[in-house]
Amino acid sequence: MKSKKIITIFSILLIAIIIGGFFAIKYAKEQKEKQTEQQEYTPQEEISEEQAKQTIVSLYFINKETKELVPEARLVNIKEIVNSPYDTLVNLLIEGPKNEKQERIIPENTKLLKTFMEADTITLDFSSEFLNYNKEDEKAKENLINSIVNTLTQLTEVNKVKILIDGNPNEEFNETYNI
């Protein structure tokens, strides 16, 4: 009789453990699923196709107040950068800044005639209007060069910049400029 009582108690305990284990495993699985759902990233806003086709570049212009060279971030179509990176960046410098607190550095009506790479040096051929920078300002030439060099050396393959005027070397810009 005593052994029947022990077997009955043991059987009840075994059933209770099996049922308890079943519910414990079920609860653990539910918690894991909730945690997985919470970890999944849901963007607040989908990236438009137009945004996916753009990249940010830094163009360097003069701050009107401090007269120092400062960067201006600009969104540019990736296709333009891939197809003709040097032309694109220099032409954006020629267009001038979008920020009204900055001023253009490359003289108006300047045209980029040609660009070509040799080793790590980019050669830029400008029209003669490039020479119309403010020669009375001591820092104007330095800022003009640094604007171009800082902008183009963002591209990993560019370490030096050489400037030609109408296809020829010029006395004022006869060096090879680097970072």
N, C-alpha and C. Protein backbone atom coordinates (compact mmCIF):
# COMPACT_ATOMS: atom_id res chain seq x y z
N MET A 1 0.81 -1.17 0.00
CA MET A 1 0.00 0.00 0.00
C MET A 1 0.87 1.25 0.00
N LYS A 2 1.90 1.17 0.81
CA LYS A 2 2.81 2.29 0.89
C LYS A 2 3.49 2.49 -0.47
N SER A 3 3.83 1.38 -1.16
CA SER A 3 4.50 1.49 -2.44
C SER A 3 3.55 2.04 -3.52
N LYS A 4 2.24 1.74 -3.46
CA LYS A 4 1.26 2.30 -4.38
C LYS A 4 1.17 3.81 -4.18
N LYS A 5 1.23 4.23 -2.93
CA LYS A 5 1.15 5.65 -2.60
C LYS A 5 2.38 6.37 -3.16
N ILE A 6 3.52 5.76 -3.03
CA ILE A 6 4.76 6.37 -3.53
C ILE A 6 4.71 6.44 -5.06
N ILE A 7 4.26 5.38 -5.70
CA ILE A 7 4.17 5.35 -7.17
C ILE A 7 3.17 6.40 -7.64
N THR A 8 2.06 6.56 -6.95
CA THR A 8 1.05 7.55 -7.32
C THR A 8 1.63 8.96 -7.17
N ILE A 9 2.28 9.23 -6.07
CA ILE A 9 2.88 10.56 -5.85
C ILE A 9 3.96 10.82 -6.90
N PHE A 10 4.78 9.80 -7.15
CA PHE A 10 5.83 9.93 -8.15
C PHE A 10 5.24 10.19 -9.53
N SER A 11 4.18 9.48 -9.88
CA SER A 11 3.51 9.67 -11.17
C SER A 11 2.93 11.07 -11.29
N ILE A 12 2.31 11.55 -10.22
CA ILE A 12 1.73 12.91 -10.23
C ILE A 12 2.84 13.94 -10.41
N LEU A 13 3.95 13.77 -9.68
CA LEU A 13 5.09 14.69 -9.81
C LEU A 13 5.66 14.65 -11.22
N LEU A 14 5.80 13.47 -11.80
CA LEU A 14 6.32 13.31 -13.15
C LEU A 14 5.42 14.02 -14.16
N ILE A 15 4.12 13.83 -14.03
CA ILE A 15 3.15 14.50 -14.93
C ILE A 15 3.24 16.01 -14.75
N ALA A 16 3.35 16.48 -13.52
CA ALA A 16 3.45 17.92 -13.24
C ALA A 16 4.73 18.50 -13.86
N ILE A 17 5.82 17.75 -13.75
CA ILE A 17 7.10 18.21 -14.34
C ILE A 17 6.99 18.27 -15.85
N ILE A 18 6.40 17.25 -16.47
CA ILE A 18 6.25 17.21 -17.93
C ILE A 18 5.37 18.37 -18.40
N ILE A 19 4.25 18.59 -17.74
CA ILE A 19 3.34 19.69 -18.11
C ILE A 19 4.04 21.04 -17.89
N GLY A 20 4.71 21.17 -16.75
CA GLY A 20 5.43 22.42 -16.46
C GLY A 20 6.53 22.68 -17.48
N GLY A 21 7.28 21.65 -17.86
CA GLY A 21 8.33 21.78 -18.87
C GLY A 21 7.77 22.19 -20.22
N PHE A 22 6.62 21.60 -20.60
CA PHE A 22 5.97 21.95 -21.85
C PHE A 22 5.64 23.45 -21.90
N PHE A 23 5.02 23.95 -20.82
CA PHE A 23 4.66 25.37 -20.78
C PHE A 23 5.88 26.28 -20.68
N ALA A 24 6.93 25.82 -19.99
CA ALA A 24 8.16 26.61 -19.89
C ALA A 24 8.82 26.75 -21.26
N ILE A 25 8.86 25.65 -22.02
CA ILE A 25 9.45 25.68 -23.37
C ILE A 25 8.62 26.57 -24.28
N LYS A 26 7.31 26.45 -24.21
CA LYS A 26 6.42 27.27 -25.03
C LYS A 26 6.61 28.77 -24.71
N TYR A 27 6.71 29.09 -23.44
CA TYR A 27 6.92 30.49 -23.00
C TYR A 27 8.26 31.01 -23.52
N ALA A 28 9.30 30.19 -23.41
CA ALA A 28 10.64 30.59 -23.87
C ALA A 28 10.63 30.87 -25.37
N LYS A 29 9.96 30.04 -26.15
CA LYS A 29 9.87 30.25 -27.60
C LYS A 29 9.15 31.54 -27.93
N GLU A 30 8.06 31.83 -27.23
CA GLU A 30 7.30 33.07 -27.45
C GLU A 30 8.17 34.29 -27.15
N GLN A 31 8.93 34.23 -26.06
CA GLN A 31 9.80 35.35 -25.70
C GLN A 31 10.89 35.56 -26.75
N LYS A 32 11.44 34.48 -27.26
CA LYS A 32 12.48 34.58 -28.28
C LYS A 32 11.92 35.20 -29.56
N GLU A 33 10.69 34.80 -29.94
CA GLU A 33 10.06 35.37 -31.13
C GLU A 33 9.80 36.85 -30.96
N LYS A 34 9.34 37.27 -29.78
CA LYS A 34 9.10 38.69 -29.51
C LYS A 34 10.40 39.47 -29.61
N GLN A 35 11.48 38.90 -29.06
CA GLN A 35 12.77 39.56 -29.07
C GLN A 35 13.27 39.70 -30.51
N THR A 36 13.10 38.69 -31.31
CA THR A 36 13.52 38.72 -32.71
C THR A 36 12.73 39.79 -33.46
N GLU A 37 11.44 39.87 -33.21
CA GLU A 37 10.60 40.88 -33.86
C GLU A 37 11.07 42.28 -33.49
N GLN A 38 11.46 42.49 -32.25
CA GLN A 38 11.89 43.81 -31.79
C GLN A 38 13.24 44.18 -32.38
N GLN A 39 14.10 43.21 -32.68
CA GLN A 39 15.42 43.50 -33.19
C GLN A 39 15.42 43.81 -34.68
N GLU A 40 14.39 43.40 -35.40
CA GLU A 40 14.33 43.68 -36.82
C GLU A 40 14.21 45.18 -37.03
N TYR A 41 15.02 45.71 -37.97
CA TYR A 41 15.03 47.14 -38.26
C TYR A 41 13.96 47.48 -39.27
N THR A 42 13.15 48.44 -38.91
CA THR A 42 12.13 48.93 -39.81
C THR A 42 12.43 50.41 -40.05
N PRO A 43 12.84 50.77 -41.26
CA PRO A 43 13.17 52.18 -41.51
C PRO A 43 11.93 53.06 -41.37
N GLN A 44 12.17 54.27 -40.85
CA GLN A 44 11.07 55.21 -40.71
C GLN A 44 10.61 55.71 -42.07
N GLU A 45 11.58 55.83 -42.97
CA GLU A 45 11.26 56.34 -44.29
C GLU A 45 12.06 55.56 -45.32
N GLU A 46 11.44 55.12 -46.35
CA GLU A 46 12.15 54.40 -47.41
C GLU A 46 13.04 55.39 -48.15
N ILE A 47 14.20 54.92 -48.58
CA ILE A 47 15.11 55.76 -49.36
C ILE A 47 14.60 55.77 -50.78
N SER A 48 14.38 56.97 -51.29
CA SER A 48 13.87 57.07 -52.65
C SER A 48 14.96 56.70 -53.65
N GLU A 49 14.54 56.38 -54.86
CA GLU A 49 15.51 56.02 -55.89
C GLU A 49 16.43 57.20 -56.18
N GLU A 50 15.87 58.41 -56.12
CA GLU A 50 16.65 59.62 -56.37
C GLU A 50 17.73 59.79 -55.31
N GLN A 51 17.38 59.56 -54.02
CA GLN A 51 18.34 59.69 -52.94
C GLN A 51 19.43 58.63 -53.06
N ALA A 52 19.09 57.46 -53.51
CA ALA A 52 20.05 56.38 -53.63
C ALA A 52 21.08 56.66 -54.73
N LYS A 53 20.76 57.56 -55.61
CA LYS A 53 21.65 57.88 -56.73
C LYS A 53 22.53 59.09 -56.45
N GLN A 54 22.58 59.55 -55.20
CA GLN A 54 23.35 60.75 -54.88
C GLN A 54 24.41 60.45 -53.82
N THR A 55 25.45 61.27 -53.85
CA THR A 55 26.50 61.19 -52.85
C THR A 55 26.85 62.61 -52.43
N ILE A 56 27.49 62.73 -51.28
CA ILE A 56 27.86 64.05 -50.78
C ILE A 56 29.34 64.29 -51.05
N VAL A 57 29.64 65.47 -51.59
CA VAL A 57 31.03 65.89 -51.79
C VAL A 57 31.22 67.22 -51.06
N SER A 58 32.47 67.53 -50.78
CA SER A 58 32.79 68.82 -50.16
C SER A 58 33.45 69.72 -51.19
N LEU A 59 32.91 70.90 -51.33
CA LEU A 59 33.48 71.92 -52.21
C LEU A 59 33.99 73.04 -51.31
N TYR A 60 35.11 73.64 -51.65
CA TYR A 60 35.71 74.65 -50.77
C TYR A 60 35.56 76.04 -51.36
N PHE A 61 34.95 76.92 -50.55
CA PHE A 61 34.71 78.30 -50.92
C PHE A 61 35.19 79.23 -49.80
N ILE A 62 35.15 80.53 -50.07
CA ILE A 62 35.56 81.52 -49.09
C ILE A 62 34.35 81.94 -48.25
N ASN A 63 34.54 81.96 -46.93
CA ASN A 63 33.53 82.48 -46.03
C ASN A 63 33.57 84.00 -46.13
N LYS A 64 32.44 84.65 -46.39
CA LYS A 64 32.39 86.09 -46.58
C LYS A 64 32.86 86.88 -45.36
N GLU A 65 32.56 86.38 -44.17
CA GLU A 65 32.91 87.10 -42.94
C GLU A 65 34.37 86.90 -42.54
N THR A 66 34.80 85.65 -42.49
CA THR A 66 36.15 85.35 -41.99
C THR A 66 37.21 85.35 -43.09
N LYS A 67 36.78 85.31 -44.33
CA LYS A 67 37.67 85.23 -45.50
C LYS A 67 38.55 83.98 -45.48
N GLU A 68 38.09 82.96 -44.75
CA GLU A 68 38.78 81.68 -44.68
C GLU A 68 38.12 80.69 -45.63
N LEU A 69 38.90 79.71 -46.04
CA LEU A 69 38.38 78.65 -46.90
C LEU A 69 37.58 77.68 -46.05
N VAL A 70 36.32 77.41 -46.45
CA VAL A 70 35.45 76.50 -45.69
C VAL A 70 34.77 75.53 -46.65
N PRO A 71 34.47 74.33 -46.16
CA PRO A 71 33.80 73.35 -47.02
C PRO A 71 32.29 73.59 -47.10
N GLU A 72 31.73 73.26 -48.24
CA GLU A 72 30.28 73.26 -48.41
C GLU A 72 29.91 71.87 -48.91
N ALA A 73 29.05 71.19 -48.18
CA ALA A 73 28.60 69.85 -48.58
C ALA A 73 27.58 70.01 -49.71
N ARG A 74 27.72 69.17 -50.72
CA ARG A 74 26.81 69.24 -51.86
C ARG A 74 26.42 67.84 -52.27
N LEU A 75 25.13 67.63 -52.52
CA LEU A 75 24.64 66.35 -53.06
C LEU A 75 24.87 66.33 -54.56
N VAL A 76 25.49 65.26 -55.03
CA VAL A 76 25.82 65.15 -56.44
C VAL A 76 25.36 63.78 -56.95
N ASN A 77 24.88 63.75 -58.17
CA ASN A 77 24.46 62.51 -58.79
C ASN A 77 25.67 61.60 -58.95
N ILE A 78 25.55 60.37 -58.50
CA ILE A 78 26.66 59.42 -58.54
C ILE A 78 27.14 59.17 -59.96
N LYS A 79 26.23 59.13 -60.92
CA LYS A 79 26.62 58.90 -62.32
C LYS A 79 27.59 59.96 -62.81
N GLU A 80 27.35 61.23 -62.41
CA GLU A 80 28.25 62.32 -62.82
C GLU A 80 29.64 62.11 -62.23
N ILE A 81 29.68 61.73 -60.96
CA ILE A 81 30.96 61.52 -60.28
C ILE A 81 31.70 60.33 -60.89
N VAL A 82 30.98 59.27 -61.20
CA VAL A 82 31.63 58.08 -61.77
C VAL A 82 32.12 58.36 -63.19
N ASN A 83 31.30 59.02 -64.00
CA ASN A 83 31.64 59.26 -65.40
C ASN A 83 32.76 60.28 -65.59
N SER A 84 32.69 61.39 -64.88
CA SER A 84 33.71 62.45 -65.03
C SER A 84 33.88 63.18 -63.69
N PRO A 85 34.55 62.55 -62.74
CA PRO A 85 34.65 63.12 -61.40
C PRO A 85 35.36 64.47 -61.35
N TYR A 86 36.45 64.61 -62.09
CA TYR A 86 37.24 65.84 -62.02
C TYR A 86 36.47 67.00 -62.63
N ASP A 87 35.91 66.77 -63.81
CA ASP A 87 35.12 67.82 -64.47
C ASP A 87 33.94 68.24 -63.59
N THR A 88 33.25 67.26 -63.03
CA THR A 88 32.08 67.55 -62.21
C THR A 88 32.44 68.42 -61.02
N LEU A 89 33.47 68.04 -60.28
CA LEU A 89 33.85 68.80 -59.08
C LEU A 89 34.33 70.20 -59.42
N VAL A 90 35.16 70.32 -60.45
CA VAL A 90 35.67 71.65 -60.82
C VAL A 90 34.53 72.53 -61.34
N ASN A 91 33.63 71.97 -62.13
CA ASN A 91 32.51 72.77 -62.63
C ASN A 91 31.58 73.22 -61.50
N LEU A 92 31.45 72.41 -60.46
CA LEU A 92 30.67 72.84 -59.29
C LEU A 92 31.37 74.00 -58.58
N LEU A 93 32.70 73.96 -58.53
CA LEU A 93 33.45 75.09 -57.95
C LEU A 93 33.25 76.35 -58.80
N ILE A 94 33.28 76.19 -60.11
CA ILE A 94 33.09 77.32 -61.01
C ILE A 94 31.70 77.93 -60.83
N GLU A 95 30.67 77.08 -60.66
CA GLU A 95 29.30 77.57 -60.44
C GLU A 95 29.21 78.43 -59.19
N GLY A 96 30.00 78.10 -58.19
CA GLY A 96 29.97 78.87 -56.95
C GLY A 96 29.13 78.20 -55.89
N PRO A 97 29.15 78.79 -54.69
CA PRO A 97 28.46 78.17 -53.55
C PRO A 97 26.94 78.35 -53.60
N LYS A 98 26.24 77.47 -52.92
CA LYS A 98 24.80 77.61 -52.73
C LYS A 98 24.52 78.40 -51.46
N ASN A 99 25.46 78.34 -50.50
CA ASN A 99 25.33 79.02 -49.22
C ASN A 99 25.63 80.51 -49.41
N GLU A 100 24.71 81.37 -49.02
CA GLU A 100 24.90 82.81 -49.23
C GLU A 100 25.97 83.41 -48.31
N LYS A 101 26.45 82.68 -47.33
CA LYS A 101 27.51 83.17 -46.45
C LYS A 101 28.90 82.89 -47.04
N GLN A 102 28.90 82.25 -48.20
CA GLN A 102 30.16 81.95 -48.88
C GLN A 102 30.19 82.64 -50.23
N GLU A 103 31.40 82.82 -50.74
CA GLU A 103 31.52 83.46 -52.05
C GLU A 103 32.35 82.60 -53.00
N ARG A 104 32.08 82.80 -54.27
CA ARG A 104 32.80 82.02 -55.29
C ARG A 104 34.28 82.34 -55.21
N ILE A 105 35.07 81.41 -55.62
CA ILE A 105 36.51 81.60 -55.57
C ILE A 105 37.13 81.61 -56.96
N ILE A 106 36.57 80.81 -57.86
CA ILE A 106 37.05 80.79 -59.25
C ILE A 106 36.37 81.94 -59.98
N PRO A 107 37.15 82.78 -60.68
CA PRO A 107 36.58 83.97 -61.34
C PRO A 107 35.44 83.62 -62.31
N GLU A 108 34.50 84.55 -62.39
CA GLU A 108 33.35 84.35 -63.28
C GLU A 108 33.80 84.16 -64.72
N ASN A 109 32.97 83.46 -65.47
CA ASN A 109 33.19 83.16 -66.89
C ASN A 109 34.36 82.22 -67.16
N THR A 110 35.00 81.72 -66.12
CA THR A 110 36.07 80.73 -66.30
C THR A 110 35.44 79.45 -66.81
N LYS A 111 36.14 78.82 -67.74
CA LYS A 111 35.66 77.55 -68.27
C LYS A 111 36.76 76.50 -68.07
N LEU A 112 36.33 75.30 -67.75
CA LEU A 112 37.24 74.17 -67.67
C LEU A 112 37.31 73.58 -69.07
N LEU A 113 38.47 73.68 -69.70
CA LEU A 113 38.62 73.23 -71.07
C LEU A 113 38.90 71.73 -71.17
N LYS A 114 39.70 71.23 -70.22
CA LYS A 114 40.11 69.83 -70.31
C LYS A 114 40.67 69.38 -68.96
N THR A 115 40.52 68.09 -68.65
CA THR A 115 41.16 67.49 -67.49
C THR A 115 41.77 66.17 -67.92
N PHE A 116 42.93 65.84 -67.34
CA PHE A 116 43.50 64.52 -67.57
C PHE A 116 44.40 64.13 -66.40
N MET A 117 44.42 62.81 -66.15
CA MET A 117 45.19 62.23 -65.05
C MET A 117 46.47 61.61 -65.57
N GLU A 118 47.56 61.84 -64.86
CA GLU A 118 48.83 61.16 -65.09
C GLU A 118 49.34 60.74 -63.73
N ALA A 119 49.45 59.43 -63.54
CA ALA A 119 49.85 58.87 -62.22
C ALA A 119 48.87 59.38 -61.18
N ASP A 120 49.36 60.14 -60.18
CA ASP A 120 48.47 60.66 -59.13
C ASP A 120 48.24 62.17 -59.27
N THR A 121 48.55 62.72 -60.47
CA THR A 121 48.42 64.16 -60.71
C THR A 121 47.30 64.43 -61.71
N ILE A 122 46.39 65.31 -61.31
CA ILE A 122 45.32 65.74 -62.21
C ILE A 122 45.74 67.07 -62.84
N THR A 123 45.67 67.17 -64.14
CA THR A 123 45.99 68.42 -64.82
C THR A 123 44.68 69.05 -65.26
N LEU A 124 44.52 70.33 -64.89
CA LEU A 124 43.31 71.08 -65.22
C LEU A 124 43.68 72.18 -66.20
N ASP A 125 42.98 72.25 -67.30
CA ASP A 125 43.21 73.28 -68.31
C ASP A 125 42.03 74.25 -68.27
N PHE A 126 42.31 75.47 -67.79
CA PHE A 126 41.27 76.50 -67.67
C PHE A 126 41.39 77.52 -68.79
N SER A 127 40.27 78.23 -69.04
CA SER A 127 40.29 79.35 -69.97
C SER A 127 41.03 80.52 -69.30
N SER A 128 41.40 81.51 -70.08
CA SER A 128 42.19 82.64 -69.58
C SER A 128 41.47 83.46 -68.50
N GLU A 129 40.15 83.34 -68.39
CA GLU A 129 39.41 84.06 -67.35
C GLU A 129 39.83 83.62 -65.94
N PHE A 130 40.45 82.46 -65.85
CA PHE A 130 40.94 81.95 -64.56
C PHE A 130 41.93 82.93 -63.93
N LEU A 131 42.64 83.68 -64.77
CA LEU A 131 43.65 84.63 -64.29
C LEU A 131 43.03 85.92 -63.75
N ASN A 132 41.71 86.07 -63.82
CA ASN A 132 41.04 87.28 -63.36
C ASN A 132 40.72 87.27 -61.87
N TYR A 133 41.44 86.50 -61.08
CA TYR A 133 41.22 86.50 -59.63
C TYR A 133 41.73 87.82 -59.05
N ASN A 134 41.32 88.15 -57.85
CA ASN A 134 41.67 89.42 -57.20
C ASN A 134 43.15 89.42 -56.80
N LYS A 135 44.00 90.00 -57.64
CA LYS A 135 45.44 90.01 -57.38
C LYS A 135 45.83 90.96 -56.26
N GLU A 136 44.94 91.87 -55.88
CA GLU A 136 45.21 92.80 -54.78
C GLU A 136 45.13 92.09 -53.42
N ASP A 137 44.35 91.04 -53.35
CA ASP A 137 44.22 90.26 -52.12
C ASP A 137 45.37 89.26 -52.05
N GLU A 138 46.21 89.38 -51.01
CA GLU A 138 47.39 88.54 -50.87
C GLU A 138 47.06 87.05 -50.82
N LYS A 139 45.92 86.70 -50.22
CA LYS A 139 45.56 85.29 -50.05
C LYS A 139 44.70 84.74 -51.18
N ALA A 140 44.32 85.58 -52.14
CA ALA A 140 43.40 85.15 -53.20
C ALA A 140 43.95 83.98 -54.01
N LYS A 141 45.20 84.08 -54.45
CA LYS A 141 45.80 83.00 -55.25
C LYS A 141 45.92 81.73 -54.42
N GLU A 142 46.38 81.87 -53.18
CA GLU A 142 46.52 80.71 -52.29
C GLU A 142 45.17 80.04 -52.04
N ASN A 143 44.13 80.86 -51.79
CA ASN A 143 42.79 80.31 -51.57
C ASN A 143 42.24 79.63 -52.82
N LEU A 144 42.52 80.22 -53.97
CA LEU A 144 42.08 79.66 -55.25
C LEU A 144 42.69 78.27 -55.44
N ILE A 145 43.98 78.17 -55.23
CA ILE A 145 44.68 76.88 -55.38
C ILE A 145 44.18 75.89 -54.34
N ASN A 146 44.10 76.31 -53.08
CA ASN A 146 43.68 75.40 -52.00
C ASN A 146 42.24 74.92 -52.19
N SER A 147 41.39 75.78 -52.73
CA SER A 147 40.00 75.40 -53.00
C SER A 147 39.97 74.22 -53.97
N ILE A 148 40.73 74.34 -55.04
CA ILE A 148 40.77 73.29 -56.06
C ILE A 148 41.43 72.03 -55.52
N VAL A 149 42.58 72.18 -54.87
CA VAL A 149 43.33 71.03 -54.35
C VAL A 149 42.52 70.29 -53.29
N ASN A 150 41.94 71.03 -52.33
CA ASN A 150 41.15 70.39 -51.27
C ASN A 150 39.93 69.66 -51.83
N THR A 151 39.32 70.23 -52.83
CA THR A 151 38.14 69.60 -53.43
C THR A 151 38.52 68.34 -54.20
N LEU A 152 39.56 68.41 -55.01
CA LEU A 152 39.91 67.26 -55.86
C LEU A 152 40.63 66.14 -55.12
N THR A 153 41.36 66.47 -54.06
CA THR A 153 42.08 65.41 -53.34
C THR A 153 41.16 64.57 -52.46
N GLN A 154 39.87 64.87 -52.46
CA GLN A 154 38.89 63.96 -51.83
C GLN A 154 38.86 62.64 -52.57
N LEU A 155 39.17 62.70 -53.85
CA LEU A 155 39.22 61.51 -54.68
C LEU A 155 40.53 60.80 -54.38
N THR A 156 40.44 59.54 -54.03
CA THR A 156 41.63 58.82 -53.55
C THR A 156 42.77 58.77 -54.56
N GLU A 157 42.47 58.81 -55.84
CA GLU A 157 43.54 58.71 -56.84
C GLU A 157 44.27 60.03 -57.08
N VAL A 158 43.76 61.14 -56.54
CA VAL A 158 44.37 62.45 -56.77
C VAL A 158 45.20 62.88 -55.56
N ASN A 159 46.49 63.12 -55.81
CA ASN A 159 47.37 63.64 -54.76
C ASN A 159 47.97 65.00 -55.12
N LYS A 160 47.99 65.30 -56.43
CA LYS A 160 48.58 66.56 -56.90
C LYS A 160 47.71 67.17 -57.98
N VAL A 161 47.81 68.51 -58.09
CA VAL A 161 47.04 69.23 -59.10
C VAL A 161 47.99 70.15 -59.88
N LYS A 162 47.87 70.10 -61.19
CA LYS A 162 48.65 70.98 -62.07
C LYS A 162 47.66 71.82 -62.86
N ILE A 163 47.97 73.11 -63.03
CA ILE A 163 47.04 74.03 -63.70
C ILE A 163 47.66 74.56 -64.98
N LEU A 164 46.90 74.48 -66.07
CA LEU A 164 47.27 75.08 -67.35
C LEU A 164 46.25 76.16 -67.69
N ILE A 165 46.68 77.12 -68.49
CA ILE A 165 45.77 78.16 -68.97
C ILE A 165 45.77 78.09 -70.48
N ASP A 166 44.60 77.87 -71.06
CA ASP A 166 44.44 77.71 -72.52
C ASP A 166 45.42 76.70 -73.09
N GLY A 167 45.63 75.60 -72.38
CA GLY A 167 46.47 74.51 -72.87
C GLY A 167 47.96 74.67 -72.63
N ASN A 168 48.36 75.79 -72.01
CA ASN A 168 49.79 76.05 -71.81
C ASN A 168 50.10 76.30 -70.35
N PRO A 169 51.35 76.00 -69.95
CA PRO A 169 51.76 76.36 -68.58
C PRO A 169 51.72 77.88 -68.44
N ASN A 170 51.50 78.35 -67.22
CA ASN A 170 51.41 79.79 -66.96
C ASN A 170 52.38 80.15 -65.85
N GLU A 171 53.00 81.32 -65.95
CA GLU A 171 53.97 81.77 -64.93
C GLU A 171 53.36 81.80 -63.54
N GLU A 172 52.12 82.23 -63.42
CA GLU A 172 51.48 82.38 -62.11
C GLU A 172 51.14 81.03 -61.47
N PHE A 173 50.89 80.03 -62.29
CA PHE A 173 50.49 78.71 -61.79
C PHE A 173 51.39 77.63 -62.39
N ASN A 174 52.70 77.78 -62.20
CA ASN A 174 53.63 76.85 -62.82
C ASN A 174 54.05 75.68 -61.94
N GLU A 175 53.54 75.61 -60.71
CA GLU A 175 53.89 74.53 -59.80
C GLU A 175 52.89 73.37 -59.93
N THR A 176 53.28 72.26 -59.30
CA THR A 176 52.34 71.16 -59.10
C THR A 176 51.95 71.24 -57.64
N TYR A 177 50.66 71.40 -57.38
CA TYR A 177 50.18 71.63 -56.02
C TYR A 177 49.68 70.34 -55.41
N ASN A 178 49.99 70.15 -54.12
CA ASN A 178 49.48 68.96 -53.44
C ASN A 178 48.96 69.32 -52.07
N ILE A 179 48.48 68.29 -51.38
CA ILE A 179 47.80 68.46 -50.10
C ILE A 179 48.63 69.22 -49.11
